[in-house]
Amino acid sequence: MKLNDLFRLDGKVALITGGGRGIGKFIATGLAEAGADLVITSRKMKNLEATAQELEREFGVTVLPVACDVAKEEDIDNVLKVATDKFSHIDILVNNAGATWGAPTLEFPIEKWDQLFNVNVRGVWMLSQKIAAMMKQQGGGNIINISSIMAFRGSEEMMHPAVPYNSTKAAINALTMNLAVKFAPYNIRVNAIAPGYFRTDMMAYIESPEFKQAYDVMINLIPMRRVGDIDDMKGVAVFLASDASAYMTGHVLVNDGGFLAK
């Protein structure tokens, strides 16, 4: 294949959870620009519908928005039915939907701990298992999980008072490697992206005036001295979703401006 062709996704269908905003929208934009049709999900339709219209208008692809709470198996089953009724196949799954919730560590409530694991780990597992069964029947596929640099380290209370989050993302790294081995005989690749600090809705609080001290600390920890933005995620996602990474599976690709290298 020619080099440019390795990165093309024409004829592919990608399902992206949490695809209406933030990193999910960044990834959806990259895959659409590379030619893929999309199914994008989140709990709220408003962002999904706006993103779908934007990507269809800009790139001429088909984008199907579907409401889904990945912590609920019935929602996942509905997404798969709606998606396959529309497209008949799913070639790429991006498990991006995630949750966080902050409270002092010594006061963190168990129900919020369970909520984060239900969304960030259990939901990823349920969707991956169901779509992998479909991918096996169609001869292969590609799963990309969204992890975090917090999977590799602890975090100070001032910067990140959400104690279960790091553990959920460490679980995603382990799940990625395990599923890569188990799904390889079915020609299904499984990789992950571990983003650092990106300019998203979830991270917007860190740039507010009351968090200026925390923001300054964060920027000084990043060797490139900036947070990531859409163009910093699009290429990485397309690389993992395309034949450009055809010999890669079980890899967690860190995308953090050098944060973990420091």
C-alpha atoms as a PDB file:
ATOM      1  CA  MET A   1       0.000   0.000   0.000  1.00  0.00           C
ATOM      2  CA  LYS A   2       1.072   3.584  -0.597  1.00  0.00           C
ATOM      3  CA  LEU A   3       1.874   5.493   2.570  1.00  0.00           C
ATOM      4  CA  ASN A   4      -1.156   7.782   2.345  1.00  0.00           C
ATOM      5  CA  ASP A   5      -3.437   4.794   1.767  1.00  0.00           C
ATOM      6  CA  LEU A   6      -2.281   3.187   4.996  1.00  0.00           C
ATOM      7  CA  PHE A   7      -3.957   6.001   6.928  1.00  0.00           C
ATOM      8  CA  ARG A   8      -7.247   6.052   4.997  1.00  0.00           C
ATOM      9  CA  LEU A   9     -10.440   4.708   6.589  1.00  0.00           C
ATOM     10  CA  ASP A  10     -12.808   4.873   3.619  1.00  0.00           C
ATOM     11  CA  GLY A  11     -15.529   2.239   3.864  1.00  0.00           C
ATOM     12  CA  LYS A  12     -14.922   1.691   7.578  1.00  0.00           C
ATOM     13  CA  VAL A  13     -17.501   2.269  10.324  1.00  0.00           C
ATOM     14  CA  ALA A  14     -16.308   3.466  13.737  1.00  0.00           C
ATOM     15  CA  LEU A  15     -18.310   3.520  16.974  1.00  0.00           C
ATOM     16  CA  ILE A  16     -17.026   6.164  19.402  1.00  0.00           C
ATOM     17  CA  THR A  17     -18.453   6.378  22.915  1.00  0.00           C
ATOM     18  CA  GLY A  18     -18.450   9.846  24.448  1.00  0.00           C
ATOM     19  CA  GLY A  19     -18.114  11.123  20.886  1.00  0.00           C
ATOM     20  CA  GLY A  20     -20.044  14.362  21.221  1.00  0.00           C
ATOM     21  CA  ARG A  21     -17.403  16.483  22.911  1.00  0.00           C
ATOM     22  CA  GLY A  22     -13.874  16.571  24.301  1.00  0.00           C
ATOM     23  CA  ILE A  23     -11.372  13.881  23.343  1.00  0.00           C
ATOM     24  CA  GLY A  24     -14.176  11.769  21.866  1.00  0.00           C
ATOM     25  CA  LYS A  25     -15.039  14.574  19.465  1.00  0.00           C
ATOM     26  CA  PHE A  26     -11.358  15.076  18.633  1.00  0.00           C
ATOM     27  CA  ILE A  27     -11.113  11.384  17.706  1.00  0.00           C
ATOM     28  CA  ALA A  28     -14.411  11.436  15.795  1.00  0.00           C
ATOM     29  CA  THR A  29     -13.151  14.396  13.773  1.00  0.00           C
ATOM     30  CA  GLY A  30      -9.926  12.600  12.872  1.00  0.00           C
ATOM     31  CA  LEU A  31     -11.639   9.373  11.837  1.00  0.00           C
ATOM     32  CA  ALA A  32     -14.237  11.262   9.785  1.00  0.00           C
ATOM     33  CA  GLU A  33     -11.493  13.259   8.075  1.00  0.00           C
ATOM     34  CA  ALA A  34      -9.814   9.947   7.183  1.00  0.00           C
ATOM     35  CA  GLY A  35     -13.053   8.771   5.540  1.00  0.00           C
ATOM     36  CA  ALA A  36     -14.833   6.649   8.171  1.00  0.00           C
ATOM     37  CA  ASP A  37     -18.577   6.719   8.777  1.00  0.00           C
ATOM     38  CA  LEU A  38     -19.371   7.069  12.469  1.00  0.00           C
ATOM     39  CA  VAL A  39     -21.692   6.062  15.264  1.00  0.00           C
ATOM     40  CA  ILE A  40     -21.204   8.473  18.162  1.00  0.00           C
ATOM     41  CA  THR A  41     -22.761   7.981  21.586  1.00  0.00           C
ATOM     42  CA  SER A  42     -23.105   9.717  24.936  1.00  0.00           C
ATOM     43  CA  ARG A  43     -25.821  10.145  27.527  1.00  0.00           C
ATOM     44  CA  LYS A  44     -26.965  13.504  26.098  1.00  0.00           C
ATOM     45  CA  MET A  45     -28.175  13.889  22.524  1.00  0.00           C
ATOM     46  CA  LYS A  46     -27.661  17.647  22.230  1.00  0.00           C
ATOM     47  CA  ASN A  47     -23.870  17.488  21.840  1.00  0.00           C
ATOM     48  CA  LEU A  48     -24.106  14.367  19.671  1.00  0.00           C
ATOM     49  CA  GLU A  49     -26.507  15.937  17.205  1.00  0.00           C
ATOM     50  CA  ALA A  50     -24.416  19.099  16.885  1.00  0.00           C
ATOM     51  CA  THR A  51     -21.223  17.088  16.337  1.00  0.00           C
ATOM     52  CA  ALA A  52     -22.933  14.786  13.814  1.00  0.00           C
ATOM     53  CA  GLN A  53     -24.167  17.714  11.754  1.00  0.00           C
ATOM     54  CA  GLU A  54     -20.758  19.391  11.888  1.00  0.00           C
ATOM     55  CA  LEU A  55     -18.811  16.322  10.753  1.00  0.00           C
ATOM     56  CA  GLU A  56     -21.262  15.372   8.011  1.00  0.00           C
ATOM     57  CA  ARG A  57     -21.153  18.897   6.633  1.00  0.00           C
ATOM     58  CA  GLU A  58     -17.357  19.172   6.767  1.00  0.00           C
ATOM     59  CA  PHE A  59     -16.270  15.707   5.626  1.00  0.00           C
ATOM     60  CA  GLY A  60     -19.230  14.237   3.721  1.00  0.00           C
ATOM     61  CA  VAL A  61     -19.436  11.105   5.869  1.00  0.00           C
ATOM     62  CA  THR A  62     -22.475   9.596   7.576  1.00  0.00           C
ATOM     63  CA  VAL A  63     -22.645  10.154  11.346  1.00  0.00           C
ATOM     64  CA  LEU A  64     -25.276   8.406  13.457  1.00  0.00           C
ATOM     65  CA  PRO A  65     -25.839   9.882  16.965  1.00  0.00           C
ATOM     66  CA  VAL A  66     -27.280   7.486  19.565  1.00  0.00           C
ATOM     67  CA  ALA A  67     -27.900   8.170  23.258  1.00  0.00           C
ATOM     68  CA  CYS A  68     -26.194   5.637  25.520  1.00  0.00           C
ATOM     69  CA  ASP A  69     -25.095   5.241  29.126  1.00  0.00           C
ATOM     70  CA  VAL A  70     -22.291   2.678  28.875  1.00  0.00           C
ATOM     71  CA  ALA A  71     -22.893   1.619  32.485  1.00  0.00           C
ATOM     72  CA  LYS A  72     -26.252   0.155  31.367  1.00  0.00           C
ATOM     73  CA  GLU A  73     -26.196  -3.067  29.361  1.00  0.00           C
ATOM     74  CA  GLU A  74     -29.606  -2.359  27.826  1.00  0.00           C
ATOM     75  CA  ASP A  75     -28.286   0.934  26.423  1.00  0.00           C
ATOM     76  CA  ILE A  76     -25.279  -0.844  24.898  1.00  0.00           C
ATOM     77  CA  ASP A  77     -27.537  -3.462  23.297  1.00  0.00           C
ATOM     78  CA  ASN A  78     -29.699  -0.706  21.835  1.00  0.00           C
ATOM     79  CA  VAL A  79     -26.686   1.095  20.347  1.00  0.00           C
ATOM     80  CA  LEU A  80     -25.471  -2.080  18.685  1.00  0.00           C
ATOM     81  CA  LYS A  81     -28.906  -2.781  17.213  1.00  0.00           C
ATOM     82  CA  VAL A  82     -29.339   0.751  15.896  1.00  0.00           C
ATOM     83  CA  ALA A  83     -25.779   0.836  14.536  1.00  0.00           C
ATOM     84  CA  THR A  84     -25.946  -2.496  12.735  1.00  0.00           C
ATOM     85  CA  ASP A  85     -29.403  -1.716  11.339  1.00  0.00           C
ATOM     86  CA  LYS A  86     -27.842   1.378   9.775  1.00  0.00           C
ATOM     87  CA  PHE A  87     -24.416   0.105   8.710  1.00  0.00           C
ATOM     88  CA  SER A  88     -24.523  -3.731   9.059  1.00  0.00           C
ATOM     89  CA  HIS A  89     -20.955  -3.811  10.429  1.00  0.00           C
ATOM     90  CA  ILE A  90     -18.637  -2.042  12.878  1.00  0.00           C
ATOM     91  CA  ASP A  91     -14.924  -2.063  12.078  1.00  0.00           C
ATOM     92  CA  ILE A  92     -13.538   0.212  14.800  1.00  0.00           C
ATOM     93  CA  LEU A  93     -14.594   0.660  18.415  1.00  0.00           C
ATOM     94  CA  VAL A  94     -13.264   3.593  20.431  1.00  0.00           C
ATOM     95  CA  ASN A  95     -14.034   3.188  24.140  1.00  0.00           C
ATOM     96  CA  ASN A  96     -13.749   6.823  25.118  1.00  0.00           C
ATOM     97  CA  ALA A  97     -16.716   7.465  27.430  1.00  0.00           C
ATOM     98  CA  GLY A  98     -15.533   8.040  30.961  1.00  0.00           C
ATOM     99  CA  ALA A  99     -16.447   9.638  34.243  1.00  0.00           C
ATOM    100  CA  THR A 100     -14.658  11.368  37.077  1.00  0.00           C
ATOM    101  CA  TRP A 101     -15.851  12.845  40.344  1.00  0.00           C
ATOM    102  CA  GLY A 102     -13.864  14.713  42.946  1.00  0.00           C
ATOM    103  CA  ALA A 103     -13.907  14.623  46.740  1.00  0.00           C
ATOM    104  CA  PRO A 104     -11.249  14.496  49.472  1.00  0.00           C
ATOM    105  CA  THR A 105      -9.718  11.034  49.494  1.00  0.00           C
ATOM    106  CA  LEU A 106     -10.490  10.318  53.139  1.00  0.00           C
ATOM    107  CA  GLU A 107     -14.135  11.237  52.548  1.00  0.00           C
ATOM    108  CA  PHE A 108     -14.649   9.659  49.109  1.00  0.00           C
ATOM    109  CA  PRO A 109     -18.051   7.875  49.058  1.00  0.00           C
ATOM    110  CA  ILE A 110     -18.185   4.233  48.007  1.00  0.00           C
ATOM    111  CA  GLU A 111     -21.149   4.812  45.709  1.00  0.00           C
ATOM    112  CA  LYS A 112     -19.081   7.238  43.617  1.00  0.00           C
ATOM    113  CA  TRP A 113     -16.189   4.750  43.596  1.00  0.00           C
ATOM    114  CA  ASP A 114     -18.585   2.142  42.162  1.00  0.00           C
ATOM    115  CA  GLN A 115     -20.009   4.630  39.662  1.00  0.00           C
ATOM    116  CA  LEU A 116     -16.580   5.405  38.209  1.00  0.00           C
ATOM    117  CA  PHE A 117     -15.687   1.720  37.880  1.00  0.00           C
ATOM    118  CA  ASN A 118     -19.069   0.968  36.286  1.00  0.00           C
ATOM    119  CA  VAL A 119     -18.547   3.564  33.569  1.00  0.00           C
ATOM    120  CA  ASN A 120     -14.767   3.489  33.096  1.00  0.00           C
ATOM    121  CA  VAL A 121     -14.159  -0.262  33.316  1.00  0.00           C
ATOM    122  CA  ARG A 122     -17.341  -2.333  33.340  1.00  0.00           C
ATOM    123  CA  GLY A 123     -18.846  -0.391  30.436  1.00  0.00           C
ATOM    124  CA  VAL A 124     -15.664  -0.765  28.378  1.00  0.00           C
ATOM    125  CA  TRP A 125     -15.640  -4.510  29.017  1.00  0.00           C
ATOM    126  CA  MET A 126     -19.322  -5.032  28.147  1.00  0.00           C
ATOM    127  CA  LEU A 127     -19.113  -3.093  24.894  1.00  0.00           C
ATOM    128  CA  SER A 128     -15.794  -4.663  23.882  1.00  0.00           C
ATOM    129  CA  GLN A 129     -17.059  -8.196  24.493  1.00  0.00           C
ATOM    130  CA  LYS A 130     -20.242  -7.659  22.487  1.00  0.00           C
ATOM    131  CA  ILE A 131     -18.539  -5.914  19.560  1.00  0.00           C
ATOM    132  CA  ALA A 132     -15.646  -8.379  19.505  1.00  0.00           C
ATOM    133  CA  ALA A 133     -18.172 -11.185  18.978  1.00  0.00           C
ATOM    134  CA  MET A 134     -19.460  -9.289  15.927  1.00  0.00           C
ATOM    135  CA  MET A 135     -15.937  -8.554  14.705  1.00  0.00           C
ATOM    136  CA  LYS A 136     -15.006 -12.224  14.973  1.00  0.00           C
ATOM    137  CA  GLN A 137     -17.889 -13.118  12.664  1.00  0.00           C
ATOM    138  CA  GLN A 138     -16.903 -10.463  10.122  1.00  0.00           C
ATOM    139  CA  GLY A 139     -13.238 -11.510  10.086  1.00  0.00           C
ATOM    140  CA  GLY A 140     -11.608  -8.892  12.322  1.00  0.00           C
ATOM    141  CA  GLY A 141     -11.699  -5.409  13.717  1.00  0.00           C
ATOM    142  CA  ASN A 142      -9.967  -2.806  15.803  1.00  0.00           C
ATOM    143  CA  ILE A 143     -10.589  -1.655  19.389  1.00  0.00           C
ATOM    144  CA  ILE A 144      -9.034   1.498  20.864  1.00  0.00           C
ATOM    145  CA  ASN A 145      -9.438   2.187  24.585  1.00  0.00           C
ATOM    146  CA  ILE A 146      -8.878   5.604  26.098  1.00  0.00           C
ATOM    147  CA  SER A 147      -6.720   5.360  29.197  1.00  0.00           C
ATOM    148  CA  SER A 148      -4.872   8.214  30.919  1.00  0.00           C
ATOM    149  CA  ILE A 149      -1.420   9.156  32.156  1.00  0.00           C
ATOM    150  CA  MET A 150      -2.992   8.859  35.603  1.00  0.00           C
ATOM    151  CA  ALA A 151      -2.944   5.084  35.106  1.00  0.00           C
ATOM    152  CA  PHE A 152       0.829   5.227  35.640  1.00  0.00           C
ATOM    153  CA  ARG A 153       1.079   7.441  38.728  1.00  0.00           C
ATOM    154  CA  GLY A 154      -0.549   8.875  41.788  1.00  0.00           C
ATOM    155  CA  SER A 155      -1.919  12.397  41.766  1.00  0.00           C
ATOM    156  CA  GLU A 156      -1.816  15.173  44.324  1.00  0.00           C
ATOM    157  CA  GLU A 157      -5.072  16.060  46.054  1.00  0.00           C
ATOM    158  CA  MET A 158      -4.893  19.666  44.845  1.00  0.00           C
ATOM    159  CA  MET A 159      -4.493  18.611  41.207  1.00  0.00           C
ATOM    160  CA  HIS A 160      -6.818  15.637  41.036  1.00  0.00           C
ATOM    161  CA  PRO A 161      -9.064  14.794  44.023  1.00  0.00           C
ATOM    162  CA  ALA A 162     -10.665  11.743  42.371  1.00  0.00           C
ATOM    163  CA  VAL A 163      -8.984   8.729  43.944  1.00  0.00           C
ATOM    164  CA  PRO A 164     -10.680   5.900  41.959  1.00  0.00           C
ATOM    165  CA  TYR A 165      -9.985   7.469  38.553  1.00  0.00           C
ATOM    166  CA  ASN A 166      -6.327   6.397  38.409  1.00  0.00           C
ATOM    167  CA  SER A 167      -7.264   2.845  39.312  1.00  0.00           C
ATOM    168  CA  THR A 168      -9.955   2.646  36.634  1.00  0.00           C
ATOM    169  CA  LYS A 169      -7.469   3.712  33.974  1.00  0.00           C
ATOM    170  CA  ALA A 170      -4.813   1.282  35.217  1.00  0.00           C
ATOM    171  CA  ALA A 171      -7.485  -1.410  34.838  1.00  0.00           C
ATOM    172  CA  ILE A 172      -8.039  -0.261  31.243  1.00  0.00           C
ATOM    173  CA  ASN A 173      -4.326  -0.691  30.485  1.00  0.00           C
ATOM    174  CA  ALA A 174      -4.397  -4.248  31.831  1.00  0.00           C
ATOM    175  CA  LEU A 175      -7.640  -5.016  29.997  1.00  0.00           C
ATOM    176  CA  THR A 176      -6.155  -3.678  26.758  1.00  0.00           C
ATOM    177  CA  MET A 177      -3.166  -6.013  26.940  1.00  0.00           C
ATOM    178  CA  ASN A 178      -5.266  -9.006  27.993  1.00  0.00           C
ATOM    179  CA  LEU A 179      -7.869  -8.564  25.263  1.00  0.00           C
ATOM    180  CA  ALA A 180      -5.134  -8.002  22.676  1.00  0.00           C
ATOM    181  CA  VAL A 181      -3.777 -11.472  23.418  1.00  0.00           C
ATOM    182  CA  LYS A 182      -7.193 -13.121  23.607  1.00  0.00           C
ATOM    183  CA  PHE A 183      -8.586 -11.476  20.473  1.00  0.00           C
ATOM    184  CA  ALA A 184      -5.489 -11.799  18.252  1.00  0.00           C
ATOM    185  CA  PRO A 185      -6.635 -15.196  16.852  1.00  0.00           C
ATOM    186  CA  TYR A 186      -9.769 -13.442  15.561  1.00  0.00           C
ATOM    187  CA  ASN A 187      -7.773 -10.711  13.764  1.00  0.00           C
ATOM    188  CA  ILE A 188      -8.969  -8.105  16.277  1.00  0.00           C
ATOM    189  CA  ARG A 189      -6.372  -5.584  17.418  1.00  0.00           C
ATOM    190  CA  VAL A 190      -6.705  -3.875  20.815  1.00  0.00           C
ATOM    191  CA  ASN A 191      -4.642  -0.811  21.728  1.00  0.00           C
ATOM    192  CA  ALA A 192      -5.047   2.188  24.014  1.00  0.00           C
ATOM    193  CA  ILE A 193      -4.225   5.879  24.072  1.00  0.00           C
ATOM    194  CA  ALA A 194      -3.156   7.412  27.394  1.00  0.00           C
ATOM    195  CA  PRO A 195      -3.704  11.168  27.014  1.00  0.00           C
ATOM    196  CA  GLY A 196      -2.110  13.742  29.232  1.00  0.00           C
ATOM    197  CA  TYR A 197      -3.697  17.112  29.860  1.00  0.00           C
ATOM    198  CA  PHE A 198      -5.928  18.146  26.949  1.00  0.00           C
ATOM    199  CA  ARG A 199      -8.135  21.190  26.542  1.00  0.00           C
ATOM    200  CA  THR A 200     -11.560  19.571  27.007  1.00  0.00           C
ATOM    201  CA  ASP A 201     -14.794  20.302  28.853  1.00  0.00           C
ATOM    202  CA  MET A 202     -13.776  17.889  31.604  1.00  0.00           C
ATOM    203  CA  MET A 203     -10.519  19.772  32.141  1.00  0.00           C
ATOM    204  CA  ALA A 204     -11.947  23.285  31.732  1.00  0.00           C
ATOM    205  CA  TYR A 205     -11.960  23.870  35.500  1.00  0.00           C
ATOM    206  CA  ILE A 206      -8.162  23.794  35.661  1.00  0.00           C
ATOM    207  CA  GLU A 207      -7.938  26.966  33.522  1.00  0.00           C
ATOM    208  CA  SER A 208     -10.348  28.930  35.702  1.00  0.00           C
ATOM    209  CA  PRO A 209      -8.904  31.753  37.876  1.00  0.00           C
ATOM    210  CA  GLU A 210      -9.434  29.897  41.159  1.00  0.00           C
ATOM    211  CA  PHE A 211      -7.232  27.045  39.925  1.00  0.00           C
ATOM    212  CA  LYS A 212      -4.416  29.264  38.617  1.00  0.00           C
ATOM    213  CA  GLN A 213      -1.893  27.834  41.077  1.00  0.00           C
ATOM    214  CA  ALA A 214      -2.759  24.254  40.087  1.00  0.00           C
ATOM    215  CA  TYR A 215      -2.649  25.204  36.388  1.00  0.00           C
ATOM    216  CA  ASP A 216       0.812  26.737  36.739  1.00  0.00           C
ATOM    217  CA  VAL A 217       2.040  23.610  38.519  1.00  0.00           C
ATOM    218  CA  MET A 218       0.582  21.401  35.777  1.00  0.00           C
ATOM    219  CA  ILE A 219       2.141  23.378  32.912  1.00  0.00           C
ATOM    220  CA  ASN A 220       5.538  23.285  34.590  1.00  0.00           C
ATOM    221  CA  LEU A 221       5.275  19.484  34.759  1.00  0.00           C
ATOM    222  CA  ILE A 222       4.794  19.241  30.976  1.00  0.00           C
ATOM    223  CA  PRO A 223       8.123  19.572  29.104  1.00  0.00           C
ATOM    224  CA  MET A 224       6.343  21.000  26.038  1.00  0.00           C
ATOM    225  CA  ARG A 225       4.777  23.668  28.322  1.00  0.00           C
ATOM    226  CA  ARG A 226       1.274  23.429  26.859  1.00  0.00           C
ATOM    227  CA  VAL A 227      -1.853  21.290  27.024  1.00  0.00           C
ATOM    228  CA  GLY A 228      -2.952  19.145  24.089  1.00  0.00           C
ATOM    229  CA  ASP A 229      -5.626  20.111  21.588  1.00  0.00           C
ATOM    230  CA  ILE A 230      -7.581  18.528  18.752  1.00  0.00           C
ATOM    231  CA  ASP A 231      -4.712  18.212  16.262  1.00  0.00           C
ATOM    232  CA  ASP A 232      -2.595  16.500  18.909  1.00  0.00           C
ATOM    233  CA  MET A 233      -5.188  13.691  19.170  1.00  0.00           C
ATOM    234  CA  LYS A 234      -6.474  13.286  15.606  1.00  0.00           C
ATOM    235  CA  GLY A 235      -3.304  11.835  14.116  1.00  0.00           C
ATOM    236  CA  VAL A 236      -2.669   9.437  16.986  1.00  0.00           C
ATOM    237  CA  ALA A 237      -6.225   8.095  16.749  1.00  0.00           C
ATOM    238  CA  VAL A 238      -6.131   7.666  12.975  1.00  0.00           C
ATOM    239  CA  PHE A 239      -2.779   5.889  13.242  1.00  0.00           C
ATOM    240  CA  LEU A 240      -4.180   3.293  15.666  1.00  0.00           C
ATOM    241  CA  ALA A 241      -7.469   2.948  13.770  1.00  0.00           C
ATOM    242  CA  SER A 242      -5.841   2.413  10.384  1.00  0.00           C
ATOM    243  CA  ASP A 243      -3.575  -0.090   8.624  1.00  0.00           C
ATOM    244  CA  ALA A 244      -0.648   2.197   9.463  1.00  0.00           C
ATOM    245  CA  SER A 245      -0.521   0.343  12.804  1.00  0.00           C
ATOM    246  CA  ALA A 246      -1.471  -3.095  11.458  1.00  0.00           C
ATOM    247  CA  TYR A 247       1.279  -4.903  13.418  1.00  0.00           C
ATOM    248  CA  MET A 248       0.495  -3.189  16.737  1.00  0.00           C
ATOM    249  CA  THR A 249      -1.701  -4.735  19.395  1.00  0.00           C
ATOM    250  CA  GLY A 250      -1.666  -4.634  23.185  1.00  0.00           C
ATOM    251  CA  HIS A 251       0.089  -1.256  23.207  1.00  0.00           C
ATOM    252  CA  VAL A 252      -0.721   1.765  25.384  1.00  0.00           C
ATOM    253  CA  LEU A 253       0.364   4.840  23.437  1.00  0.00           C
ATOM    254  CA  VAL A 254       1.152   7.759  25.740  1.00  0.00           C
ATOM    255  CA  ASN A 255       0.234  11.174  24.296  1.00  0.00           C
ATOM    256  CA  ASP A 256       1.176  13.717  26.967  1.00  0.00           C
ATOM    257  CA  GLY A 257       3.673  16.361  25.842  1.00  0.00           C
ATOM    258  CA  GLY A 258       6.430  14.536  27.728  1.00  0.00           C
ATOM    259  CA  PHE A 259       4.718  14.553  31.134  1.00  0.00           C
ATOM    260  CA  LEU A 260       5.605  10.969  32.070  1.00  0.00           C
ATOM    261  CA  ALA A 261       9.155  11.319  30.734  1.00  0.00           C
ATOM    262  CA  LYS A 262      10.029  14.053  33.223  1.00  0.00           C
END
